[in-house]
Amino acid sequence: SEFAHWYNETHRHSKIKFVTPAERHRGHDAEILRQRESVYNEAKQKNTGSSMYNPNISTIVVPATTEAFRKIIRLSSMLI
């Protein structure tokens, strides 16, 4: 069904670190998560002065809405 395809192939699940069930089932999740961590580490190195990555600054950056959070996840997955 269309829903089953979306759920298994497109929808990224929070309980399995925002990969799809199909990616997890096929064993692709480990590489995706490795690449994602690499992207995050590179961003941290480039943005060491920002409050998001600097523990000496007390400002915490949090997405204002669930949709903003989803957009961040979509964008990060596009970098992979």
N, C-alpha and C. Protein backbone atom coordinates (compact mmCIF):
# COMPACT_ATOMS: atom_id res chain seq x y z
N SER A 1 0.83 -1.19 0.00
CA SER A 1 0.00 0.00 0.00
C SER A 1 0.88 1.26 0.00
N GLU A 2 0.26 2.36 -0.35
CA GLU A 2 0.99 3.63 -0.39
C GLU A 2 1.48 4.02 1.00
N PHE A 3 0.63 3.80 2.01
CA PHE A 3 1.02 4.15 3.37
C PHE A 3 2.21 3.30 3.84
N ALA A 4 2.16 2.00 3.59
CA ALA A 4 3.24 1.11 4.01
C ALA A 4 4.56 1.51 3.35
N HIS A 5 4.50 1.87 2.09
CA HIS A 5 5.71 2.31 1.39
C HIS A 5 6.26 3.58 2.05
N TRP A 6 5.39 4.55 2.28
CA TRP A 6 5.83 5.80 2.93
C TRP A 6 6.43 5.50 4.30
N TYR A 7 5.73 4.69 5.08
CA TYR A 7 6.15 4.40 6.45
C TYR A 7 7.51 3.71 6.49
N ASN A 8 7.73 2.77 5.59
CA ASN A 8 8.96 1.99 5.61
C ASN A 8 10.11 2.59 4.82
N GLU A 9 9.82 3.34 3.76
CA GLU A 9 10.86 3.84 2.86
C GLU A 9 11.16 5.33 3.01
N THR A 10 10.22 6.11 3.51
CA THR A 10 10.38 7.57 3.55
C THR A 10 10.43 8.13 4.97
N HIS A 11 9.53 7.67 5.81
CA HIS A 11 9.40 8.21 7.16
C HIS A 11 10.60 7.87 8.02
N ARG A 12 11.22 8.90 8.61
CA ARG A 12 12.38 8.70 9.49
C ARG A 12 11.88 8.62 10.94
N HIS A 13 12.21 7.55 11.60
CA HIS A 13 11.69 7.27 12.93
C HIS A 13 12.63 7.75 14.03
N SER A 14 12.08 8.46 14.98
CA SER A 14 12.90 8.98 16.08
C SER A 14 13.47 7.86 16.94
N LYS A 15 12.78 6.77 17.09
CA LYS A 15 13.25 5.68 17.95
C LYS A 15 14.43 4.92 17.34
N ILE A 16 14.65 5.08 16.04
CA ILE A 16 15.81 4.42 15.41
C ILE A 16 16.72 5.48 14.79
N LYS A 17 16.86 6.59 15.53
CA LYS A 17 17.81 7.66 15.21
C LYS A 17 17.56 8.31 13.85
N PHE A 18 16.28 8.46 13.53
CA PHE A 18 15.87 9.19 12.32
C PHE A 18 16.40 8.58 11.03
N VAL A 19 16.36 7.27 10.95
CA VAL A 19 16.55 6.56 9.69
C VAL A 19 15.23 5.86 9.39
N THR A 20 15.06 5.40 8.17
CA THR A 20 13.83 4.69 7.83
C THR A 20 13.94 3.23 8.25
N PRO A 21 12.80 2.57 8.46
CA PRO A 21 12.86 1.14 8.77
C PRO A 21 13.56 0.35 7.66
N ALA A 22 13.37 0.74 6.42
CA ALA A 22 14.01 0.05 5.30
C ALA A 22 15.54 0.19 5.39
N GLU A 23 16.01 1.40 5.71
CA GLU A 23 17.46 1.61 5.85
C GLU A 23 18.00 0.75 6.99
N ARG A 24 17.26 0.68 8.07
CA ARG A 24 17.67 -0.12 9.22
C ARG A 24 17.68 -1.60 8.86
N HIS A 25 16.61 -2.06 8.21
CA HIS A 25 16.47 -3.47 7.85
C HIS A 25 17.59 -3.91 6.89
N ARG A 26 17.96 -3.05 5.97
CA ARG A 26 18.99 -3.37 4.98
C ARG A 26 20.41 -3.20 5.53
N GLY A 27 20.52 -2.66 6.74
CA GLY A 27 21.83 -2.46 7.33
C GLY A 27 22.53 -1.19 6.88
N HIS A 28 21.79 -0.28 6.24
CA HIS A 28 22.37 0.97 5.76
C HIS A 28 22.45 2.03 6.86
N ASP A 29 21.78 1.80 7.97
CA ASP A 29 21.71 2.81 9.02
C ASP A 29 23.08 3.13 9.63
N ALA A 30 23.94 2.13 9.77
CA ALA A 30 25.24 2.38 10.39
C ALA A 30 26.05 3.39 9.58
N GLU A 31 26.07 3.23 8.27
CA GLU A 31 26.81 4.16 7.41
C GLU A 31 26.16 5.54 7.41
N ILE A 32 24.85 5.59 7.37
CA ILE A 32 24.14 6.88 7.41
C ILE A 32 24.47 7.62 8.69
N LEU A 33 24.45 6.92 9.81
CA LEU A 33 24.74 7.55 11.09
C LEU A 33 26.20 7.98 11.19
N ARG A 34 27.12 7.20 10.62
CA ARG A 34 28.53 7.59 10.58
C ARG A 34 28.71 8.88 9.78
N GLN A 35 28.06 8.94 8.61
CA GLN A 35 28.17 10.13 7.77
C GLN A 35 27.54 11.34 8.46
N ARG A 36 26.41 11.12 9.11
CA ARG A 36 25.73 12.21 9.81
C ARG A 36 26.62 12.76 10.93
N GLU A 37 27.25 11.85 11.68
CA GLU A 37 28.15 12.29 12.75
C GLU A 37 29.32 13.09 12.18
N SER A 38 29.84 12.67 11.04
CA SER A 38 30.93 13.39 10.39
C SER A 38 30.49 14.81 10.01
N VAL A 39 29.29 14.93 9.47
CA VAL A 39 28.76 16.25 9.09
C VAL A 39 28.61 17.12 10.34
N TYR A 40 28.07 16.55 11.43
CA TYR A 40 27.90 17.31 12.66
C TYR A 40 29.24 17.75 13.24
N ASN A 41 30.22 16.84 13.22
CA ASN A 41 31.54 17.19 13.76
C ASN A 41 32.20 18.29 12.93
N GLU A 42 32.05 18.22 11.62
CA GLU A 42 32.60 19.26 10.75
C GLU A 42 31.93 20.60 11.03
N ALA A 43 30.62 20.58 11.22
CA ALA A 43 29.90 21.82 11.53
C ALA A 43 30.35 22.39 12.88
N LYS A 44 30.58 21.52 13.84
CA LYS A 44 31.05 21.98 15.15
C LYS A 44 32.41 22.67 15.04
N GLN A 45 33.29 22.09 14.23
CA GLN A 45 34.62 22.69 14.05
C GLN A 45 34.54 24.04 13.35
N LYS A 46 33.64 24.17 12.39
CA LYS A 46 33.50 25.43 11.65
C LYS A 46 32.81 26.51 12.47
N ASN A 47 32.01 26.11 13.46
CA ASN A 47 31.19 27.06 14.21
C ASN A 47 31.54 27.07 15.70
N THR A 48 32.80 26.98 16.02
CA THR A 48 33.18 26.90 17.43
C THR A 48 32.81 28.15 18.22
N GLY A 49 32.62 29.26 17.55
CA GLY A 49 32.28 30.49 18.26
C GLY A 49 30.80 30.65 18.53
N SER A 50 29.98 29.81 17.92
CA SER A 50 28.53 29.96 18.13
C SER A 50 28.12 29.37 19.46
N SER A 51 27.02 29.87 20.00
CA SER A 51 26.56 29.39 21.30
C SER A 51 26.10 27.95 21.24
N MET A 52 25.72 27.47 20.06
CA MET A 52 25.24 26.10 19.95
C MET A 52 26.34 25.09 20.30
N TYR A 53 27.59 25.43 20.00
CA TYR A 53 28.70 24.50 20.21
C TYR A 53 29.70 24.96 21.26
N ASN A 54 29.50 26.12 21.82
CA ASN A 54 30.44 26.65 22.78
C ASN A 54 29.89 26.50 24.19
N PRO A 55 30.46 25.60 24.99
CA PRO A 55 29.93 25.38 26.34
C PRO A 55 30.11 26.58 27.27
N ASN A 56 30.92 27.56 26.87
CA ASN A 56 31.12 28.74 27.71
C ASN A 56 30.03 29.78 27.53
N ILE A 57 29.18 29.59 26.55
CA ILE A 57 28.06 30.50 26.33
C ILE A 57 26.79 29.79 26.77
N SER A 58 25.97 30.44 27.57
CA SER A 58 24.84 29.75 28.18
C SER A 58 23.59 29.70 27.30
N THR A 59 23.59 30.32 26.14
CA THR A 59 22.44 30.29 25.26
C THR A 59 22.28 28.90 24.67
N ILE A 60 21.05 28.40 24.69
CA ILE A 60 20.76 27.11 24.09
C ILE A 60 19.89 27.35 22.87
N VAL A 61 20.28 26.77 21.74
CA VAL A 61 19.52 26.93 20.51
C VAL A 61 18.60 25.73 20.35
N VAL A 62 17.31 26.00 20.30
CA VAL A 62 16.31 24.94 20.17
C VAL A 62 15.35 25.32 19.05
N PRO A 63 15.01 24.39 18.15
CA PRO A 63 14.02 24.72 17.12
C PRO A 63 12.72 25.17 17.76
N ALA A 64 12.13 26.22 17.21
CA ALA A 64 10.93 26.81 17.80
C ALA A 64 9.70 25.92 17.64
N THR A 65 9.66 25.12 16.61
CA THR A 65 8.49 24.30 16.35
C THR A 65 8.92 22.90 15.93
N THR A 66 7.97 21.99 15.98
CA THR A 66 8.23 20.64 15.49
C THR A 66 8.57 20.69 14.01
N GLU A 67 7.89 21.56 13.26
CA GLU A 67 8.18 21.65 11.82
C GLU A 67 9.60 22.16 11.58
N ALA A 68 10.09 23.07 12.40
CA ALA A 68 11.47 23.54 12.26
C ALA A 68 12.43 22.39 12.52
N PHE A 69 12.13 21.56 13.52
CA PHE A 69 12.97 20.41 13.81
C PHE A 69 12.97 19.44 12.64
N ARG A 70 11.80 19.18 12.07
CA ARG A 70 11.71 18.29 10.91
C ARG A 70 12.51 18.83 9.73
N LYS A 71 12.49 20.13 9.55
CA LYS A 71 13.26 20.74 8.46
C LYS A 71 14.76 20.52 8.68
N ILE A 72 15.21 20.65 9.91
CA ILE A 72 16.62 20.42 10.22
C ILE A 72 16.99 18.98 9.89
N ILE A 73 16.13 18.03 10.26
CA ILE A 73 16.40 16.63 9.97
C ILE A 73 16.44 16.40 8.47
N ARG A 74 15.48 16.98 7.72
CA ARG A 74 15.46 16.81 6.27
C ARG A 74 16.73 17.38 5.66
N LEU A 75 17.13 18.56 6.09
CA LEU A 75 18.31 19.20 5.53
C LEU A 75 19.57 18.41 5.85
N SER A 76 19.67 17.90 7.08
CA SER A 76 20.86 17.13 7.44
C SER A 76 20.94 15.83 6.65
N SER A 77 19.78 15.24 6.36
CA SER A 77 19.82 13.99 5.60
C SER A 77 20.18 14.26 4.14
N MET A 78 19.95 15.47 3.65
CA MET A 78 20.31 15.81 2.28
C MET A 78 21.84 15.94 2.13
N LEU A 79 22.52 16.19 3.24
CA LEU A 79 23.97 16.35 3.20
C LEU A 79 24.69 15.02 3.09
N ILE A 80 23.98 13.96 3.35
CA ILE A 80 24.60 12.63 3.35
C ILE A 80 24.82 12.14 1.93
